[in-house]
N, C-alpha and C. Protein backbone atom coordinates (compact mmCIF):
# COMPACT_ATOMS: atom_id res chain seq x y z
N UNK A 1 -63.83 -34.56 25.76
CA UNK A 1 -64.65 -34.71 27.51
C UNK A 1 -65.66 -34.88 26.57
N UNK A 2 -66.39 -35.44 27.30
CA UNK A 2 -67.97 -36.14 27.65
C UNK A 2 -68.41 -34.48 27.68
N UNK A 3 -69.91 -34.88 27.58
CA UNK A 3 -70.80 -33.34 27.86
C UNK A 3 -71.49 -34.11 28.81
N UNK A 4 -72.03 -35.10 29.82
CA UNK A 4 -72.81 -35.52 30.68
C UNK A 4 -72.55 -34.55 31.66
N UNK A 5 -73.07 -34.46 33.36
CA UNK A 5 -72.69 -33.60 34.00
C UNK A 5 -71.36 -34.88 34.70
N UNK A 6 -70.42 -34.27 35.64
CA UNK A 6 -69.93 -34.75 36.34
C UNK A 6 -69.79 -35.62 37.67
N UNK A 7 -71.63 -34.69 38.21
CA UNK A 7 -71.76 -35.15 39.09
C UNK A 7 -72.74 -36.18 39.44
N UNK A 8 -72.58 -36.61 38.25
CA UNK A 8 -74.02 -38.06 37.64
C UNK A 8 -72.86 -39.55 36.86
N UNK A 9 -71.86 -38.65 37.12
CA UNK A 9 -70.29 -40.00 36.22
C UNK A 9 -70.71 -41.12 37.72
N UNK A 10 -70.75 -42.45 37.24
CA UNK A 10 -70.98 -43.93 37.93
C UNK A 10 -70.20 -44.78 37.18
N UNK A 11 -69.62 -45.30 37.40
CA UNK A 11 -69.45 -46.66 37.13
C UNK A 11 -69.34 -48.19 37.21
N UNK A 12 -70.28 -49.00 36.74
CA UNK A 12 -70.66 -50.30 37.72
C UNK A 12 -70.18 -51.45 37.34
N UNK A 13 -69.37 -52.74 37.53
CA UNK A 13 -68.92 -54.02 37.38
C UNK A 13 -69.20 -54.73 37.84
N UNK A 14 -69.68 -56.08 36.93
CA UNK A 14 -69.35 -57.40 38.34
C UNK A 14 -67.96 -58.00 38.72
N UNK A 15 -68.48 -58.49 40.09
CA UNK A 15 -67.13 -59.32 40.23
C UNK A 15 -67.37 -60.46 41.45
N UNK A 16 -66.29 -61.41 41.13
CA UNK A 16 -66.68 -62.58 41.91
C UNK A 16 -65.92 -62.63 42.91
N UNK A 17 -66.97 -62.77 44.43
CA UNK A 17 -65.99 -61.87 45.41
C UNK A 17 -65.26 -63.76 46.19
N UNK A 18 -64.25 -63.26 46.78
CA UNK A 18 -63.75 -64.29 47.22
C UNK A 18 -64.32 -64.44 48.60
N UNK A 19 -64.14 -66.26 49.39
CA UNK A 19 -64.47 -65.51 50.62
C UNK A 19 -64.19 -64.63 51.70
N UNK A 20 -65.03 -64.94 52.36
CA UNK A 20 -65.33 -63.05 53.43
C UNK A 20 -65.66 -61.87 52.38
N UNK A 21 -65.98 -62.42 50.71
CA UNK A 21 -66.38 -61.01 50.32
C UNK A 21 -66.35 -60.36 50.43
N UNK A 22 -67.33 -59.06 50.66
CA UNK A 22 -67.17 -57.77 51.16
C UNK A 22 -68.60 -57.85 52.00
N UNK A 23 -67.92 -56.45 53.11
CA UNK A 23 -69.40 -55.65 54.01
C UNK A 23 -69.51 -55.31 53.94
N UNK A 24 -71.46 -55.05 53.83
CA UNK A 24 -72.15 -54.13 53.57
C UNK A 24 -72.85 -53.38 55.36
N UNK A 25 -73.40 -52.12 55.18
CA UNK A 25 -74.09 -51.68 56.31
C UNK A 25 -75.53 -52.55 57.01
N UNK A 26 -76.11 -52.88 55.81
CA UNK A 26 -77.18 -53.37 55.89
C UNK A 26 -77.62 -55.22 56.01
N UNK A 27 -76.50 -55.92 55.49
CA UNK A 27 -76.78 -56.76 55.73
C UNK A 27 -75.20 -58.00 55.90
N UNK A 28 -74.34 -57.23 56.22
CA UNK A 28 -73.00 -57.50 56.92
C UNK A 28 -72.45 -58.14 55.52
N UNK A 29 -71.93 -58.61 55.82
CA UNK A 29 -70.60 -59.35 54.54
C UNK A 29 -71.79 -60.28 52.91
N UNK A 30 -71.74 -59.73 51.77
CA UNK A 30 -71.85 -60.90 51.23
C UNK A 30 -70.98 -61.84 50.48
N UNK A 31 -71.20 -62.68 49.51
CA UNK A 31 -70.10 -63.39 48.73
C UNK A 31 -70.84 -63.37 47.75
N UNK A 32 -70.09 -64.26 46.17
CA UNK A 32 -70.14 -64.67 44.97
C UNK A 32 -70.36 -63.31 44.08
N UNK A 33 -70.87 -63.70 42.97
CA UNK A 33 -71.33 -62.81 41.98
C UNK A 33 -72.00 -61.75 42.27
N UNK A 34 -71.25 -60.79 42.55
CA UNK A 34 -71.90 -59.18 43.26
C UNK A 34 -71.67 -58.11 41.88
N UNK A 35 -72.60 -56.89 41.67
CA UNK A 35 -72.36 -55.76 41.21
C UNK A 35 -71.91 -54.80 41.97
N UNK A 36 -70.69 -53.98 42.12
CA UNK A 36 -70.42 -52.56 42.26
C UNK A 36 -70.75 -51.39 41.20
N UNK A 37 -70.86 -50.77 42.10
CA UNK A 37 -71.32 -49.20 41.52
C UNK A 37 -70.91 -48.24 42.17
N UNK A 38 -69.36 -47.50 41.46
CA UNK A 38 -69.24 -46.14 42.11
C UNK A 38 -69.69 -45.13 42.14
N UNK A 39 -69.94 -44.47 42.48
CA UNK A 39 -71.44 -42.90 42.46
C UNK A 39 -70.28 -41.76 42.45
N UNK A 40 -70.09 -40.87 42.06
CA UNK A 40 -69.49 -39.60 41.81
C UNK A 40 -70.80 -38.86 42.70
N UNK A 41 -70.77 -38.18 43.41
CA UNK A 41 -71.61 -37.24 44.50
C UNK A 41 -71.22 -35.66 44.75
N UNK A 42 -72.05 -35.08 44.66
CA UNK A 42 -71.96 -33.57 44.03
C UNK A 42 -70.73 -32.84 45.51
N UNK A 43 -70.52 -33.91 46.57
CA UNK A 43 -69.73 -32.97 47.36
C UNK A 43 -67.86 -33.31 46.90
N UNK A 44 -68.24 -34.64 46.20
CA UNK A 44 -66.57 -34.60 45.60
C UNK A 44 -66.33 -36.28 46.26
N UNK A 45 -67.11 -36.73 47.11
CA UNK A 45 -67.09 -37.58 47.79
C UNK A 45 -67.49 -39.39 46.11
N UNK A 46 -67.09 -40.28 46.73
CA UNK A 46 -67.51 -41.04 45.95
C UNK A 46 -68.02 -42.06 47.23
N UNK A 47 -69.71 -42.78 46.37
CA UNK A 47 -70.58 -43.50 47.41
C UNK A 47 -70.37 -44.83 46.45
N UNK A 48 -70.05 -45.64 47.30
CA UNK A 48 -69.74 -47.40 46.94
C UNK A 48 -71.03 -48.08 47.12
N UNK A 49 -71.41 -48.77 46.03
CA UNK A 49 -72.55 -49.89 46.63
C UNK A 49 -72.80 -50.88 46.61
N UNK A 50 -73.53 -51.60 46.98
CA UNK A 50 -73.01 -53.36 45.94
C UNK A 50 -74.08 -54.57 45.63
N UNK A 51 -74.17 -55.43 44.82
CA UNK A 51 -76.20 -56.12 45.10
C UNK A 51 -74.92 -57.41 45.04
N UNK A 52 -76.12 -58.63 45.02
CA UNK A 52 -75.86 -59.58 43.88
C UNK A 52 -76.34 -59.08 42.88
N UNK A 53 -75.31 -59.64 41.68
CA UNK A 53 -75.69 -59.55 40.54
C UNK A 53 -76.86 -59.90 40.25
N UNK A 54 -77.91 -59.04 39.82
CA UNK A 54 -79.28 -59.27 39.01
C UNK A 54 -80.00 -59.56 39.94
N UNK A 55 -80.01 -58.72 41.19
CA UNK A 55 -80.73 -58.04 42.53
C UNK A 55 -81.41 -57.18 42.53
N UNK A 56 -82.56 -57.03 42.72
CA UNK A 56 -82.98 -55.33 43.17
C UNK A 56 -82.48 -55.48 44.52
N UNK A 57 -82.02 -55.50 45.22
CA UNK A 57 -81.21 -54.90 46.33
C UNK A 57 -80.25 -54.21 46.75
N UNK A 58 -79.99 -53.30 46.57
CA UNK A 58 -78.31 -52.26 46.73
C UNK A 58 -78.38 -52.06 48.23
N UNK A 59 -76.86 -52.03 48.55
CA UNK A 59 -76.07 -52.26 49.45
C UNK A 59 -75.35 -51.63 49.97
N UNK A 60 -75.08 -50.23 51.44
CA UNK A 60 -73.85 -49.36 51.38
C UNK A 60 -72.80 -50.46 51.48
N UNK A 61 -72.15 -49.91 51.10
CA UNK A 61 -70.75 -50.58 51.26
C UNK A 61 -69.48 -50.21 52.26
N UNK A 62 -70.02 -50.95 53.35
CA UNK A 62 -69.28 -50.30 54.69
C UNK A 62 -67.93 -49.44 54.62
N UNK A 63 -68.19 -48.13 54.95
CA UNK A 63 -66.93 -47.10 54.94
C UNK A 63 -67.40 -46.53 54.25
N UNK A 64 -68.01 -46.34 52.90
CA UNK A 64 -68.89 -45.57 51.76
C UNK A 64 -69.68 -44.40 52.52
N UNK A 65 -69.52 -43.44 52.20
CA UNK A 65 -69.18 -42.21 51.26
C UNK A 65 -67.22 -42.38 51.49
N UNK A 66 -66.34 -42.45 50.69
CA UNK A 66 -65.07 -42.25 50.80
C UNK A 66 -64.96 -40.74 49.95
N UNK A 67 -63.92 -40.02 50.34
CA UNK A 67 -63.44 -38.60 49.72
C UNK A 67 -63.04 -40.08 48.48
N UNK A 68 -62.63 -38.87 47.29
CA UNK A 68 -62.51 -39.69 45.87
C UNK A 68 -60.57 -38.42 45.83
N UNK A 69 -60.04 -40.23 45.73
CA UNK A 69 -58.29 -39.45 45.38
C UNK A 69 -58.30 -39.00 44.09
N UNK A 70 -57.14 -38.36 44.14
CA UNK A 70 -56.76 -37.06 43.20
C UNK A 70 -56.45 -37.74 41.92
N UNK A 71 -56.24 -39.18 41.61
CA UNK A 71 -56.33 -40.41 40.27
C UNK A 71 -57.84 -40.36 40.08
N UNK A 72 -58.65 -39.93 40.60
CA UNK A 72 -60.20 -40.30 40.08
C UNK A 72 -61.02 -41.71 40.79
N UNK A 73 -62.11 -41.06 40.05
CA UNK A 73 -63.34 -41.98 39.84
C UNK A 73 -63.12 -43.77 39.68
N UNK A 74 -62.36 -43.69 38.07
CA UNK A 74 -62.14 -44.86 37.94
C UNK A 74 -60.96 -45.69 38.80
N UNK A 75 -60.02 -44.75 39.07
CA UNK A 75 -59.27 -45.15 40.21
C UNK A 75 -59.69 -46.62 41.33
N UNK A 76 -60.31 -45.47 41.70
CA UNK A 76 -60.73 -45.75 43.21
C UNK A 76 -61.77 -47.00 42.87
N UNK A 77 -62.74 -46.96 41.66
CA UNK A 77 -63.60 -48.26 41.58
C UNK A 77 -62.42 -49.13 40.89
N UNK A 78 -61.47 -49.70 40.23
CA UNK A 78 -61.05 -50.61 40.18
C UNK A 78 -60.34 -50.49 41.60
N UNK A 79 -59.72 -50.36 42.55
CA UNK A 79 -59.17 -50.36 43.78
C UNK A 79 -60.18 -51.06 44.50
N UNK A 80 -61.33 -50.75 44.59
CA UNK A 80 -62.75 -51.84 44.94
C UNK A 80 -62.97 -52.70 44.75
N UNK A 81 -62.60 -52.69 43.32
CA UNK A 81 -62.99 -54.58 42.62
C UNK A 81 -62.15 -55.16 43.08
N UNK A 82 -60.83 -55.02 42.78
CA UNK A 82 -59.62 -55.68 43.28
C UNK A 82 -60.00 -55.90 45.30
N UNK A 83 -60.33 -55.56 46.25
CA UNK A 83 -60.12 -55.47 47.28
C UNK A 83 -61.76 -56.74 47.13
N UNK A 84 -62.32 -56.49 46.67
CA UNK A 84 -63.87 -57.41 47.10
C UNK A 84 -63.31 -58.58 46.25
N UNK A 85 -62.57 -58.45 44.97
CA UNK A 85 -61.89 -60.08 44.26
C UNK A 85 -61.09 -60.65 45.66
N UNK A 86 -60.63 -59.53 45.90
CA UNK A 86 -59.76 -59.79 47.16
C UNK A 86 -60.53 -61.23 48.38
N UNK A 87 -61.57 -60.62 48.69
CA UNK A 87 -62.37 -61.17 49.75
C UNK A 87 -62.00 -60.52 51.47
N UNK A 88 -62.68 -61.07 52.11
CA UNK A 88 -61.80 -60.99 53.72
C UNK A 88 -62.93 -59.93 53.84
N UNK A 89 -63.93 -59.65 53.76
CA UNK A 89 -64.93 -58.79 54.39
C UNK A 89 -64.37 -57.11 53.71
N UNK A 90 -64.27 -56.97 52.68
CA UNK A 90 -63.52 -55.92 52.16
C UNK A 90 -64.10 -54.21 51.85
N UNK A 91 -63.58 -53.73 52.76
CA UNK A 91 -64.46 -51.97 52.16
C UNK A 91 -63.98 -51.36 51.50
N UNK A 92 -64.20 -50.38 51.12
CA UNK A 92 -63.59 -49.42 50.16
C UNK A 92 -61.92 -48.49 50.65
N UNK A 93 -61.46 -48.28 50.21
CA UNK A 93 -59.96 -47.66 50.79
C UNK A 93 -60.04 -46.86 51.81
N UNK A 94 -59.25 -46.68 52.58
CA UNK A 94 -59.43 -45.18 53.71
C UNK A 94 -58.31 -44.40 53.27
């Protein structure tokens, strides 16, 4: 068991988005080399943010925050990565 605060749990990975990329609230669709962060919030939901890899600005993945599935944050994060890899204006699962 980890001794960190579970409310601070965050998973971050880089992904290359296919055409259509990922849909963000702030700037619409982004594509190319992206970094995705999935963070557990105090209310038990997951906040998903995305950026161009190595950029300063982070954007909200449209549809975030989402309810945390029973499988947990890691499963949700992997699902989001796969959706963004696929492209087509991806967002989090509903």
